[in-house]
């Protein structure tokens, strides 16, 4: 296996000395050798997995009702000196 350590260093925006290149080249070949070993594992009976926790997203419809939030919203609007309809006008930040 030949690894172009100069190209990898360039992609990672790393400046490596000759000694660092030699050491990292060997380390990288060792790491990639483990991936080669994984290619030999028989995974024909393994179902592809996108996540392993079993958790699912919980979604709800966004709906405005006459609940407590609606009441708090009305109180907030009525207490603001710069209310416009259902919105509060704020001074510019910049």
N, C-alpha and C. Protein backbone atom coordinates (compact mmCIF):
# COMPACT_ATOMS: atom_id res chain seq x y z
N UNK A 1 0.85 -1.18 0.00
CA UNK A 1 0.00 0.00 0.00
C UNK A 1 0.89 1.24 0.00
N UNK A 2 0.60 2.16 -0.92
CA UNK A 2 1.38 3.40 -0.99
C UNK A 2 0.48 4.56 -0.58
N UNK A 3 0.96 5.34 0.35
CA UNK A 3 0.20 6.48 0.84
C UNK A 3 0.96 7.75 0.48
N UNK A 4 0.26 8.68 -0.16
CA UNK A 4 0.87 9.96 -0.52
C UNK A 4 0.71 10.91 0.66
N UNK A 5 1.66 10.88 1.58
CA UNK A 5 1.58 11.67 2.81
C UNK A 5 1.63 13.17 2.51
N UNK A 6 2.30 13.56 1.43
CA UNK A 6 2.34 14.98 1.06
C UNK A 6 0.96 15.48 0.67
N UNK A 7 0.22 14.66 -0.08
CA UNK A 7 -1.13 15.08 -0.49
C UNK A 7 -2.05 15.17 0.73
N UNK A 8 -1.97 14.19 1.62
CA UNK A 8 -2.81 14.20 2.82
C UNK A 8 -2.47 15.40 3.70
N UNK A 9 -1.19 15.69 3.86
CA UNK A 9 -0.77 16.85 4.66
C UNK A 9 -1.28 18.14 4.02
N UNK A 10 -1.23 18.20 2.70
CA UNK A 10 -1.72 19.39 2.00
C UNK A 10 -3.22 19.57 2.21
N UNK A 11 -3.99 18.48 2.09
CA UNK A 11 -5.44 18.55 2.29
C UNK A 11 -5.78 18.97 3.71
N UNK A 12 -4.96 18.52 4.67
CA UNK A 12 -5.18 18.86 6.07
C UNK A 12 -4.52 20.19 6.46
N UNK A 13 -3.86 20.81 5.48
CA UNK A 13 -3.17 22.08 5.70
C UNK A 13 -2.14 21.97 6.83
N UNK A 14 -1.35 20.89 6.77
CA UNK A 14 -0.30 20.65 7.75
C UNK A 14 1.06 20.81 7.11
N UNK A 15 1.98 21.42 7.82
CA UNK A 15 3.37 21.49 7.38
C UNK A 15 4.14 20.47 8.19
N UNK A 16 4.66 19.46 7.50
CA UNK A 16 5.34 18.37 8.20
C UNK A 16 6.81 18.34 7.83
N UNK A 17 7.64 18.04 8.81
CA UNK A 17 9.06 17.85 8.55
C UNK A 17 9.24 16.46 7.93
N UNK A 18 10.43 16.18 7.44
CA UNK A 18 10.72 14.87 6.84
C UNK A 18 10.56 13.76 7.87
N UNK A 19 11.01 13.99 9.11
CA UNK A 19 10.87 13.00 10.17
C UNK A 19 9.39 12.73 10.48
N UNK A 20 8.59 13.81 10.55
CA UNK A 20 7.16 13.66 10.81
C UNK A 20 6.48 12.89 9.68
N UNK A 21 6.88 13.17 8.45
CA UNK A 21 6.29 12.46 7.30
C UNK A 21 6.60 10.97 7.38
N UNK A 22 7.83 10.62 7.71
CA UNK A 22 8.20 9.21 7.82
C UNK A 22 7.40 8.51 8.92
N UNK A 23 7.30 9.14 10.08
CA UNK A 23 6.58 8.54 11.20
C UNK A 23 5.10 8.41 10.87
N UNK A 24 4.50 9.49 10.36
CA UNK A 24 3.07 9.48 10.08
C UNK A 24 2.72 8.55 8.93
N UNK A 25 3.62 8.41 7.98
CA UNK A 25 3.38 7.51 6.87
C UNK A 25 3.24 6.07 7.37
N UNK A 26 4.12 5.68 8.27
CA UNK A 26 4.03 4.34 8.86
C UNK A 26 2.78 4.16 9.69
N UNK A 27 2.47 5.16 10.50
CA UNK A 27 1.26 5.09 11.34
C UNK A 27 0.01 4.98 10.47
N UNK A 28 -0.04 5.78 9.41
CA UNK A 28 -1.21 5.78 8.54
C UNK A 28 -1.36 4.45 7.80
N UNK A 29 -0.25 3.88 7.36
CA UNK A 29 -0.31 2.57 6.70
C UNK A 29 -0.84 1.51 7.67
N UNK A 30 -0.43 1.59 8.92
CA UNK A 30 -0.91 0.67 9.95
C UNK A 30 -2.41 0.81 10.16
N UNK A 31 -2.89 2.05 10.27
CA UNK A 31 -4.31 2.32 10.47
C UNK A 31 -5.13 1.82 9.29
N UNK A 32 -4.69 2.14 8.08
CA UNK A 32 -5.43 1.72 6.90
C UNK A 32 -5.38 0.21 6.71
N UNK A 33 -4.35 -0.43 7.24
CA UNK A 33 -4.28 -1.89 7.21
C UNK A 33 -5.42 -2.52 7.98
N UNK A 34 -5.85 -1.88 9.06
CA UNK A 34 -7.00 -2.37 9.83
C UNK A 34 -8.27 -2.32 8.98
N UNK A 35 -8.42 -1.29 8.16
CA UNK A 35 -9.59 -1.20 7.28
C UNK A 35 -9.55 -2.29 6.22
N UNK A 36 -8.36 -2.62 5.74
CA UNK A 36 -8.24 -3.72 4.78
C UNK A 36 -8.70 -5.03 5.42
N UNK A 37 -8.36 -5.23 6.70
CA UNK A 37 -8.78 -6.45 7.39
C UNK A 37 -10.30 -6.49 7.52
N UNK A 38 -10.93 -5.34 7.72
CA UNK A 38 -12.39 -5.29 7.83
C UNK A 38 -13.07 -5.66 6.51
N UNK A 39 -12.40 -5.40 5.38
CA UNK A 39 -12.97 -5.74 4.08
C UNK A 39 -13.13 -7.25 3.92
N UNK A 40 -12.38 -8.03 4.68
CA UNK A 40 -12.43 -9.49 4.58
C UNK A 40 -13.54 -10.10 5.42
N UNK A 41 -14.20 -9.31 6.26
CA UNK A 41 -15.26 -9.82 7.13
C UNK A 41 -16.53 -10.04 6.31
N UNK A 42 -17.17 -11.21 6.49
CA UNK A 42 -18.40 -11.52 5.78
C UNK A 42 -19.57 -10.80 6.46
N UNK A 43 -20.15 -9.84 5.77
CA UNK A 43 -21.28 -9.07 6.30
C UNK A 43 -22.56 -9.32 5.50
N UNK A 44 -22.61 -10.43 4.79
CA UNK A 44 -23.76 -10.69 3.93
C UNK A 44 -25.06 -10.84 4.72
N UNK A 45 -25.02 -11.31 5.97
CA UNK A 45 -26.24 -11.47 6.75
C UNK A 45 -26.53 -10.31 7.68
N UNK A 46 -25.79 -9.24 7.56
CA UNK A 46 -25.95 -8.10 8.46
C UNK A 46 -26.84 -7.05 7.80
N UNK A 47 -27.87 -6.63 8.52
CA UNK A 47 -28.79 -5.62 7.99
C UNK A 47 -28.13 -4.24 8.13
N UNK A 48 -28.17 -3.42 7.08
CA UNK A 48 -27.61 -2.06 7.19
C UNK A 48 -28.30 -1.27 8.31
N UNK A 49 -27.52 -0.49 9.02
CA UNK A 49 -28.03 0.25 10.16
C UNK A 49 -27.75 1.74 9.97
N UNK A 50 -28.77 2.55 10.21
CA UNK A 50 -28.56 4.00 10.14
C UNK A 50 -28.37 4.59 11.52
N UNK A 51 -28.91 3.93 12.55
CA UNK A 51 -28.68 4.35 13.93
C UNK A 51 -28.93 3.16 14.83
N UNK A 52 -28.36 3.17 16.02
CA UNK A 52 -28.41 1.99 16.88
C UNK A 52 -29.08 2.23 18.23
N UNK A 53 -29.54 3.43 18.50
CA UNK A 53 -30.09 3.72 19.82
C UNK A 53 -31.56 3.35 19.95
N UNK A 54 -32.27 3.25 18.82
CA UNK A 54 -33.70 2.97 18.88
C UNK A 54 -34.54 4.21 19.13
N UNK A 55 -33.89 5.35 19.30
CA UNK A 55 -34.64 6.58 19.53
C UNK A 55 -35.24 7.07 18.22
N UNK A 56 -36.38 7.72 18.33
CA UNK A 56 -37.05 8.26 17.15
C UNK A 56 -37.35 9.73 17.39
N UNK A 57 -37.43 10.51 16.31
CA UNK A 57 -37.83 11.90 16.43
C UNK A 57 -39.31 11.97 16.80
N UNK A 58 -39.63 12.89 17.66
CA UNK A 58 -41.02 13.10 18.04
C UNK A 58 -41.45 14.42 17.42
N UNK A 59 -42.47 14.35 16.61
CA UNK A 59 -42.96 15.55 15.93
C UNK A 59 -44.39 15.83 16.36
N UNK A 60 -44.74 17.07 16.33
CA UNK A 60 -46.12 17.46 16.58
C UNK A 60 -46.46 18.59 15.62
N UNK A 61 -47.73 18.75 15.37
CA UNK A 61 -48.17 19.84 14.51
C UNK A 61 -48.07 21.15 15.27
N UNK A 62 -47.57 22.16 14.62
CA UNK A 62 -47.54 23.49 15.22
C UNK A 62 -48.91 24.12 15.03
N UNK A 63 -49.59 24.34 16.12
CA UNK A 63 -50.93 24.93 16.04
C UNK A 63 -51.08 25.93 17.18
N UNK A 64 -51.59 27.09 16.84
CA UNK A 64 -51.85 28.11 17.85
C UNK A 64 -53.26 27.91 18.35
N UNK A 65 -53.40 27.81 19.63
CA UNK A 65 -54.73 27.60 20.22
C UNK A 65 -55.03 28.68 21.24
N UNK A 66 -56.03 28.45 22.02
CA UNK A 66 -56.42 29.42 23.05
C UNK A 66 -55.89 29.00 24.41
N UNK A 67 -54.74 28.38 24.44
CA UNK A 67 -54.16 27.90 25.68
C UNK A 67 -53.42 28.99 26.43
N UNK A 68 -52.63 28.56 27.40
CA UNK A 68 -51.88 29.47 28.27
C UNK A 68 -50.87 30.29 27.49
N UNK A 69 -50.25 29.69 26.46
CA UNK A 69 -49.27 30.44 25.68
C UNK A 69 -49.93 31.59 24.93
N UNK A 70 -51.12 31.37 24.41
CA UNK A 70 -51.85 32.42 23.72
C UNK A 70 -52.15 33.57 24.68
N UNK A 71 -52.53 33.24 25.91
CA UNK A 71 -52.83 34.26 26.92
C UNK A 71 -51.56 35.03 27.28
N UNK A 72 -50.45 34.33 27.46
CA UNK A 72 -49.19 34.99 27.79
C UNK A 72 -48.75 35.88 26.65
N UNK A 73 -48.96 35.45 25.43
CA UNK A 73 -48.59 36.25 24.26
C UNK A 73 -49.39 37.55 24.25
N UNK A 74 -50.68 37.46 24.51
CA UNK A 74 -51.53 38.65 24.53
C UNK A 74 -51.08 39.62 25.64
N UNK A 75 -50.73 39.08 26.82
CA UNK A 75 -50.28 39.92 27.92
C UNK A 75 -48.97 40.61 27.56
N UNK A 76 -48.08 39.90 26.90
CA UNK A 76 -46.80 40.47 26.50
C UNK A 76 -47.01 41.60 25.50
N UNK A 77 -47.84 41.38 24.51
CA UNK A 77 -48.12 42.40 23.50
C UNK A 77 -48.76 43.62 24.14
N UNK A 78 -49.71 43.41 25.02
CA UNK A 78 -50.41 44.54 25.64
C UNK A 78 -49.51 45.33 26.58
N UNK A 79 -48.46 44.71 27.12
CA UNK A 79 -47.58 45.42 28.04
C UNK A 79 -46.43 46.13 27.32
N UNK A 80 -46.28 45.90 26.01
CA UNK A 80 -45.19 46.51 25.27
C UNK A 80 -45.58 47.89 24.76
N UNK A 81 -44.71 48.90 24.93
CA UNK A 81 -45.02 50.24 24.44
C UNK A 81 -44.91 50.34 22.91
N UNK A 82 -44.27 49.36 22.27
CA UNK A 82 -44.06 49.43 20.82
C UNK A 82 -44.69 48.23 20.11
N UNK A 83 -45.92 47.89 20.49
CA UNK A 83 -46.59 46.76 19.85
C UNK A 83 -47.23 47.19 18.55
N UNK A 84 -47.13 46.31 17.55
CA UNK A 84 -47.79 46.52 16.26
C UNK A 84 -48.54 45.24 15.92
N UNK A 85 -49.83 45.23 16.13
CA UNK A 85 -50.60 44.01 15.89
C UNK A 85 -50.16 42.92 16.84
N UNK A 86 -49.69 41.80 16.29
CA UNK A 86 -49.22 40.68 17.11
C UNK A 86 -47.72 40.70 17.31
N UNK A 87 -47.06 41.78 16.90
CA UNK A 87 -45.60 41.86 16.96
C UNK A 87 -45.14 42.98 17.88
N UNK A 88 -43.90 42.86 18.34
CA UNK A 88 -43.29 43.91 19.15
C UNK A 88 -42.13 44.50 18.34
N UNK A 89 -42.15 45.80 18.18
CA UNK A 89 -41.08 46.48 17.45
C UNK A 89 -39.95 46.79 18.41
N UNK A 90 -38.73 46.42 18.01
CA UNK A 90 -37.55 46.64 18.84
C UNK A 90 -36.62 47.63 18.14
N UNK A 91 -35.81 48.36 18.91
CA UNK A 91 -34.84 49.27 18.27
C UNK A 91 -33.76 48.46 17.56
N UNK A 92 -33.18 49.04 16.52
CA UNK A 92 -32.11 48.31 15.81
C UNK A 92 -30.90 48.07 16.72
N UNK A 93 -30.22 46.97 16.48
CA UNK A 93 -29.06 46.62 17.29
C UNK A 93 -27.83 47.37 16.80
N UNK A 94 -27.68 47.48 15.50
CA UNK A 94 -26.50 48.15 14.94
C UNK A 94 -26.87 49.51 14.43
